[in-house]
Amino acid sequence: MTHRINALTSTIGLLVGLMLLIVSVQQYRSGASALWVAAGAAIFLSTLYTFVRDVRRLRAGRTS
């Protein structure tokens, strides 16, 4: 059950990270610093890594 909750929170985090990346690109296009895009990309990649790790852990638990 814990692995399912972790995967669910990782999914929500992935969506939030994607929204942050989209907003940072929009802000960059309107004249903001390029560091916003770099920060948004870093946060998105870290949430993507966490999501993949949790889904693999969830799948490994089902085969056991």
N, C-alpha and C. Protein backbone atom coordinates (compact mmCIF):
# COMPACT_ATOMS: atom_id res chain seq x y z
N MET A 1 0.81 -1.19 0.00
CA MET A 1 0.00 0.00 0.00
C MET A 1 0.87 1.27 0.00
N THR A 2 1.99 1.20 0.70
CA THR A 2 2.87 2.36 0.79
C THR A 2 3.44 2.71 -0.57
N HIS A 3 3.77 1.68 -1.38
CA HIS A 3 4.33 1.95 -2.70
C HIS A 3 3.31 2.64 -3.61
N ARG A 4 2.05 2.31 -3.45
CA ARG A 4 1.00 2.98 -4.24
C ARG A 4 0.88 4.44 -3.86
N ILE A 5 0.94 4.72 -2.59
CA ILE A 5 0.86 6.11 -2.13
C ILE A 5 2.06 6.90 -2.61
N ASN A 6 3.25 6.28 -2.57
CA ASN A 6 4.45 6.95 -3.08
C ASN A 6 4.32 7.24 -4.57
N ALA A 7 3.80 6.28 -5.33
CA ALA A 7 3.63 6.49 -6.77
C ALA A 7 2.61 7.59 -7.04
N LEU A 8 1.56 7.66 -6.23
CA LEU A 8 0.54 8.69 -6.40
C LEU A 8 1.12 10.08 -6.11
N THR A 9 1.87 10.21 -5.04
CA THR A 9 2.45 11.50 -4.73
C THR A 9 3.52 11.88 -5.76
N SER A 10 4.22 10.90 -6.30
CA SER A 10 5.19 11.19 -7.36
C SER A 10 4.49 11.67 -8.62
N THR A 11 3.32 11.11 -8.92
CA THR A 11 2.55 11.55 -10.08
C THR A 11 2.11 13.01 -9.91
N ILE A 12 1.65 13.34 -8.74
CA ILE A 12 1.23 14.72 -8.47
C ILE A 12 2.44 15.65 -8.55
N GLY A 13 3.58 15.21 -8.01
CA GLY A 13 4.79 16.01 -8.09
C GLY A 13 5.26 16.21 -9.51
N LEU A 14 5.10 15.18 -10.34
CA LEU A 14 5.48 15.28 -11.75
C LEU A 14 4.61 16.31 -12.46
N LEU A 15 3.33 16.31 -12.18
CA LEU A 15 2.44 17.29 -12.80
C LEU A 15 2.76 18.71 -12.34
N VAL A 16 3.06 18.87 -11.08
CA VAL A 16 3.43 20.19 -10.56
C VAL A 16 4.75 20.66 -11.17
N GLY A 17 5.71 19.74 -11.30
CA GLY A 17 6.98 20.09 -11.92
C GLY A 17 6.82 20.49 -13.38
N LEU A 18 5.93 19.80 -14.10
CA LEU A 18 5.66 20.15 -15.49
C LEU A 18 5.01 21.52 -15.59
N MET A 19 4.06 21.80 -14.69
CA MET A 19 3.43 23.12 -14.70
C MET A 19 4.45 24.21 -14.40
N LEU A 20 5.37 23.95 -13.48
CA LEU A 20 6.41 24.93 -13.16
C LEU A 20 7.31 25.16 -14.36
N LEU A 21 7.65 24.10 -15.09
CA LEU A 21 8.49 24.25 -16.28
C LEU A 21 7.77 25.07 -17.35
N ILE A 22 6.50 24.82 -17.54
CA ILE A 22 5.73 25.58 -18.54
C ILE A 22 5.67 27.06 -18.16
N VAL A 23 5.42 27.34 -16.90
CA VAL A 23 5.35 28.73 -16.45
C VAL A 23 6.70 29.41 -16.57
N SER A 24 7.77 28.69 -16.28
CA SER A 24 9.09 29.30 -16.37
C SER A 24 9.45 29.62 -17.82
N VAL A 25 9.05 28.77 -18.76
CA VAL A 25 9.30 29.06 -20.18
C VAL A 25 8.49 30.27 -20.61
N GLN A 26 7.26 30.36 -20.16
CA GLN A 26 6.43 31.53 -20.49
C GLN A 26 7.04 32.81 -19.92
N GLN A 27 7.54 32.74 -18.71
CA GLN A 27 8.16 33.91 -18.11
C GLN A 27 9.43 34.30 -18.85
N TYR A 28 10.19 33.31 -19.29
CA TYR A 28 11.41 33.60 -20.05
C TYR A 28 11.07 34.28 -21.37
N ARG A 29 10.01 33.83 -22.02
CA ARG A 29 9.61 34.46 -23.28
C ARG A 29 9.13 35.89 -23.08
N SER A 30 8.65 36.20 -21.89
CA SER A 30 8.18 37.57 -21.65
C SER A 30 9.28 38.45 -21.07
N GLY A 31 10.52 37.93 -20.99
CA GLY A 31 11.63 38.78 -20.59
C GLY A 31 12.30 38.44 -19.29
N ALA A 32 11.91 37.40 -18.62
CA ALA A 32 12.54 37.04 -17.35
C ALA A 32 13.89 36.37 -17.59
N SER A 33 14.58 36.10 -16.53
CA SER A 33 15.92 35.52 -16.60
C SER A 33 15.86 34.06 -17.08
N ALA A 34 16.94 33.63 -17.74
CA ALA A 34 17.03 32.25 -18.21
C ALA A 34 17.22 31.28 -17.04
N LEU A 35 17.57 31.79 -15.89
CA LEU A 35 17.71 30.92 -14.72
C LEU A 35 16.38 30.29 -14.32
N TRP A 36 15.27 30.95 -14.63
CA TRP A 36 13.96 30.36 -14.35
C TRP A 36 13.77 29.08 -15.14
N VAL A 37 14.19 29.08 -16.40
CA VAL A 37 14.06 27.89 -17.23
C VAL A 37 14.97 26.78 -16.70
N ALA A 38 16.17 27.15 -16.31
CA ALA A 38 17.11 26.16 -15.78
C ALA A 38 16.58 25.55 -14.48
N ALA A 39 16.03 26.39 -13.61
CA ALA A 39 15.47 25.89 -12.36
C ALA A 39 14.25 25.02 -12.62
N GLY A 40 13.38 25.44 -13.53
CA GLY A 40 12.20 24.65 -13.86
C GLY A 40 12.57 23.31 -14.45
N ALA A 41 13.59 23.28 -15.31
CA ALA A 41 14.04 22.02 -15.91
C ALA A 41 14.65 21.11 -14.86
N ALA A 42 15.42 21.66 -13.95
CA ALA A 42 16.04 20.85 -12.90
C ALA A 42 14.98 20.23 -11.99
N ILE A 43 13.98 21.01 -11.63
CA ILE A 43 12.91 20.50 -10.77
C ILE A 43 12.11 19.44 -11.51
N PHE A 44 11.81 19.67 -12.79
CA PHE A 44 11.06 18.69 -13.57
C PHE A 44 11.84 17.38 -13.70
N LEU A 45 13.13 17.47 -13.98
CA LEU A 45 13.93 16.25 -14.12
C LEU A 45 14.03 15.47 -12.81
N SER A 46 14.11 16.17 -11.70
CA SER A 46 14.17 15.47 -10.41
C SER A 46 12.84 14.80 -10.09
N THR A 47 11.72 15.44 -10.42
CA THR A 47 10.43 14.81 -10.18
C THR A 47 10.20 13.64 -11.14
N LEU A 48 10.71 13.76 -12.37
CA LEU A 48 10.61 12.66 -13.32
C LEU A 48 11.41 11.45 -12.84
N TYR A 49 12.60 11.69 -12.33
CA TYR A 49 13.42 10.61 -11.79
C TYR A 49 12.71 9.92 -10.62
N THR A 50 12.14 10.70 -9.73
CA THR A 50 11.43 10.14 -8.58
C THR A 50 10.22 9.34 -9.03
N PHE A 51 9.50 9.83 -10.03
CA PHE A 51 8.34 9.11 -10.55
C PHE A 51 8.75 7.76 -11.13
N VAL A 52 9.79 7.74 -11.94
CA VAL A 52 10.24 6.49 -12.56
C VAL A 52 10.71 5.51 -11.49
N ARG A 53 11.43 6.00 -10.49
CA ARG A 53 11.89 5.14 -9.41
C ARG A 53 10.72 4.52 -8.64
N ASP A 54 9.70 5.30 -8.35
CA ASP A 54 8.56 4.79 -7.60
C ASP A 54 7.73 3.81 -8.43
N VAL A 55 7.58 4.07 -9.72
CA VAL A 55 6.83 3.14 -10.56
C VAL A 55 7.57 1.81 -10.70
N ARG A 56 8.88 1.86 -10.84
CA ARG A 56 9.66 0.61 -10.88
C ARG A 56 9.53 -0.15 -9.59
N ARG A 57 9.57 0.53 -8.48
CA ARG A 57 9.42 -0.12 -7.17
C ARG A 57 8.03 -0.74 -7.03
N LEU A 58 7.02 -0.04 -7.56
CA LEU A 58 5.66 -0.57 -7.50
C LEU A 58 5.53 -1.82 -8.36
N ARG A 59 6.11 -1.80 -9.55
CA ARG A 59 6.04 -2.98 -10.43
C ARG A 59 6.82 -4.15 -9.87
N ALA A 60 7.95 -3.89 -9.25
CA ALA A 60 8.75 -4.97 -8.66
C ALA A 60 8.00 -5.64 -7.51
N GLY A 61 7.20 -4.88 -6.80
CA GLY A 61 6.42 -5.44 -5.71
C GLY A 61 5.31 -6.35 -6.19
N ARG A 62 4.78 -6.10 -7.38
CA ARG A 62 3.69 -6.93 -7.92
C ARG A 62 4.18 -8.28 -8.39
N THR A 63 5.41 -8.36 -8.90
CA THR A 63 5.92 -9.63 -9.43
C THR A 63 6.37 -10.55 -8.32
N SER A 64 6.63 -10.03 -7.15
CA SER A 64 7.11 -10.86 -6.03
C SER A 64 6.01 -11.71 -5.44
